[in-house]
Amino acid sequence: MDINTLRSVATVASFIAFVAIWAWAWSRGNRQSFDEAAHLPFEQE
């Protein structure tokens, strides 16, 4: 295995991780918790 194969594997793994994080962030199940977190700075005690 040479360095170019290792670079290709790292690029593909990074792309898969990016797509997985993107899908997790835009999933409907997380919407409520993200909305609550987005409004935290505006809550007053």
N, C-alpha and C. Protein backbone atom coordinates (compact mmCIF):
# COMPACT_ATOMS: atom_id res chain seq x y z
N MET A 1 0.86 -1.18 0.00
CA MET A 1 0.00 0.00 0.00
C MET A 1 0.91 1.24 0.00
N ASP A 2 0.72 2.06 -0.99
CA ASP A 2 1.54 3.26 -1.06
C ASP A 2 0.79 4.46 -0.49
N ILE A 3 1.43 5.60 -0.48
CA ILE A 3 0.88 6.81 0.15
C ILE A 3 -0.36 7.30 -0.57
N ASN A 4 -0.41 7.12 -1.89
CA ASN A 4 -1.58 7.59 -2.63
C ASN A 4 -2.84 6.78 -2.31
N THR A 5 -2.68 5.51 -2.08
CA THR A 5 -3.82 4.69 -1.66
C THR A 5 -4.31 5.12 -0.29
N LEU A 6 -3.38 5.40 0.60
CA LEU A 6 -3.74 5.86 1.94
C LEU A 6 -4.46 7.20 1.87
N ARG A 7 -4.01 8.09 1.02
CA ARG A 7 -4.67 9.39 0.85
C ARG A 7 -6.07 9.22 0.29
N SER A 8 -6.25 8.32 -0.64
CA SER A 8 -7.57 8.06 -1.21
C SER A 8 -8.53 7.52 -0.16
N VAL A 9 -8.05 6.60 0.65
CA VAL A 9 -8.88 6.03 1.71
C VAL A 9 -9.25 7.11 2.72
N ALA A 10 -8.31 7.97 3.06
CA ALA A 10 -8.59 9.05 4.02
C ALA A 10 -9.61 10.03 3.44
N THR A 11 -9.51 10.32 2.14
CA THR A 11 -10.46 11.24 1.51
C THR A 11 -11.86 10.65 1.50
N VAL A 12 -11.98 9.39 1.15
CA VAL A 12 -13.30 8.73 1.13
C VAL A 12 -13.88 8.65 2.54
N ALA A 13 -13.06 8.33 3.52
CA ALA A 13 -13.54 8.24 4.90
C ALA A 13 -13.99 9.61 5.40
N SER A 14 -13.27 10.66 5.05
CA SER A 14 -13.67 12.01 5.45
C SER A 14 -14.99 12.41 4.80
N PHE A 15 -15.17 12.07 3.55
CA PHE A 15 -16.41 12.39 2.86
C PHE A 15 -17.59 11.64 3.47
N ILE A 16 -17.40 10.39 3.80
CA ILE A 16 -18.46 9.61 4.45
C ILE A 16 -18.81 10.20 5.81
N ALA A 17 -17.81 10.62 6.57
CA ALA A 17 -18.06 11.25 7.87
C ALA A 17 -18.81 12.56 7.69
N PHE A 18 -18.45 13.35 6.69
CA PHE A 18 -19.14 14.60 6.42
C PHE A 18 -20.61 14.37 6.08
N VAL A 19 -20.88 13.41 5.23
CA VAL A 19 -22.27 13.11 4.85
C VAL A 19 -23.05 12.59 6.06
N ALA A 20 -22.43 11.78 6.90
CA ALA A 20 -23.10 11.26 8.09
C ALA A 20 -23.45 12.39 9.06
N ILE A 21 -22.54 13.32 9.28
CA ILE A 21 -22.81 14.45 10.18
C ILE A 21 -23.88 15.34 9.59
N TRP A 22 -23.82 15.58 8.29
CA TRP A 22 -24.83 16.40 7.61
C TRP A 22 -26.21 15.76 7.75
N ALA A 23 -26.32 14.45 7.54
CA ALA A 23 -27.60 13.75 7.66
C ALA A 23 -28.11 13.80 9.10
N TRP A 24 -27.22 13.67 10.07
CA TRP A 24 -27.62 13.73 11.48
C TRP A 24 -28.13 15.13 11.83
N ALA A 25 -27.45 16.15 11.34
CA ALA A 25 -27.84 17.52 11.67
C ALA A 25 -29.18 17.90 11.04
N TRP A 26 -29.50 17.38 9.89
CA TRP A 26 -30.73 17.74 9.20
C TRP A 26 -31.87 16.73 9.41
N SER A 27 -31.66 15.72 10.28
CA SER A 27 -32.73 14.75 10.51
C SER A 27 -33.85 15.38 11.33
N ARG A 28 -35.05 14.92 11.09
CA ARG A 28 -36.22 15.50 11.76
C ARG A 28 -36.24 15.19 13.26
N GLY A 29 -35.64 14.11 13.68
CA GLY A 29 -35.63 13.74 15.08
C GLY A 29 -34.86 14.71 15.96
N ASN A 30 -33.92 15.41 15.42
CA ASN A 30 -33.10 16.34 16.19
C ASN A 30 -33.61 17.76 16.14
N ARG A 31 -34.63 18.02 15.38
CA ARG A 31 -35.08 19.39 15.16
C ARG A 31 -35.49 20.09 16.47
N GLN A 32 -36.24 19.41 17.32
CA GLN A 32 -36.71 20.03 18.54
C GLN A 32 -35.55 20.39 19.47
N SER A 33 -34.61 19.49 19.63
CA SER A 33 -33.48 19.78 20.52
C SER A 33 -32.60 20.90 19.96
N PHE A 34 -32.45 20.96 18.65
CA PHE A 34 -31.68 22.05 18.04
C PHE A 34 -32.42 23.38 18.18
N ASP A 35 -33.73 23.37 18.04
CA ASP A 35 -34.49 24.60 18.22
C ASP A 35 -34.40 25.11 19.66
N GLU A 36 -34.46 24.20 20.61
CA GLU A 36 -34.32 24.59 22.02
C GLU A 36 -32.93 25.17 22.28
N ALA A 37 -31.90 24.54 21.72
CA ALA A 37 -30.55 25.04 21.92
C ALA A 37 -30.35 26.40 21.25
N ALA A 38 -31.03 26.63 20.15
CA ALA A 38 -30.90 27.91 19.45
C ALA A 38 -31.54 29.04 20.22
N HIS A 39 -32.53 28.74 21.04
CA HIS A 39 -33.23 29.79 21.79
C HIS A 39 -32.65 30.01 23.19
N LEU A 40 -31.68 29.21 23.59
CA LEU A 40 -31.11 29.36 24.93
C LEU A 40 -30.53 30.76 25.20
N PRO A 41 -29.83 31.40 24.27
CA PRO A 41 -29.27 32.72 24.58
C PRO A 41 -30.34 33.78 24.81
N PHE A 42 -31.56 33.57 24.35
CA PHE A 42 -32.61 34.57 24.46
C PHE A 42 -33.49 34.40 25.69
N GLU A 43 -33.30 33.31 26.43
CA GLU A 43 -34.09 33.09 27.63
C GLU A 43 -33.58 33.97 28.76
N GLN A 44 -34.51 34.55 29.51
CA GLN A 44 -34.12 35.39 30.63
C GLN A 44 -34.57 34.73 31.92
N GLU A 45 -33.77 34.91 32.93
CA GLU A 45 -34.12 34.31 34.23
C GLU A 45 -34.65 35.33 35.18
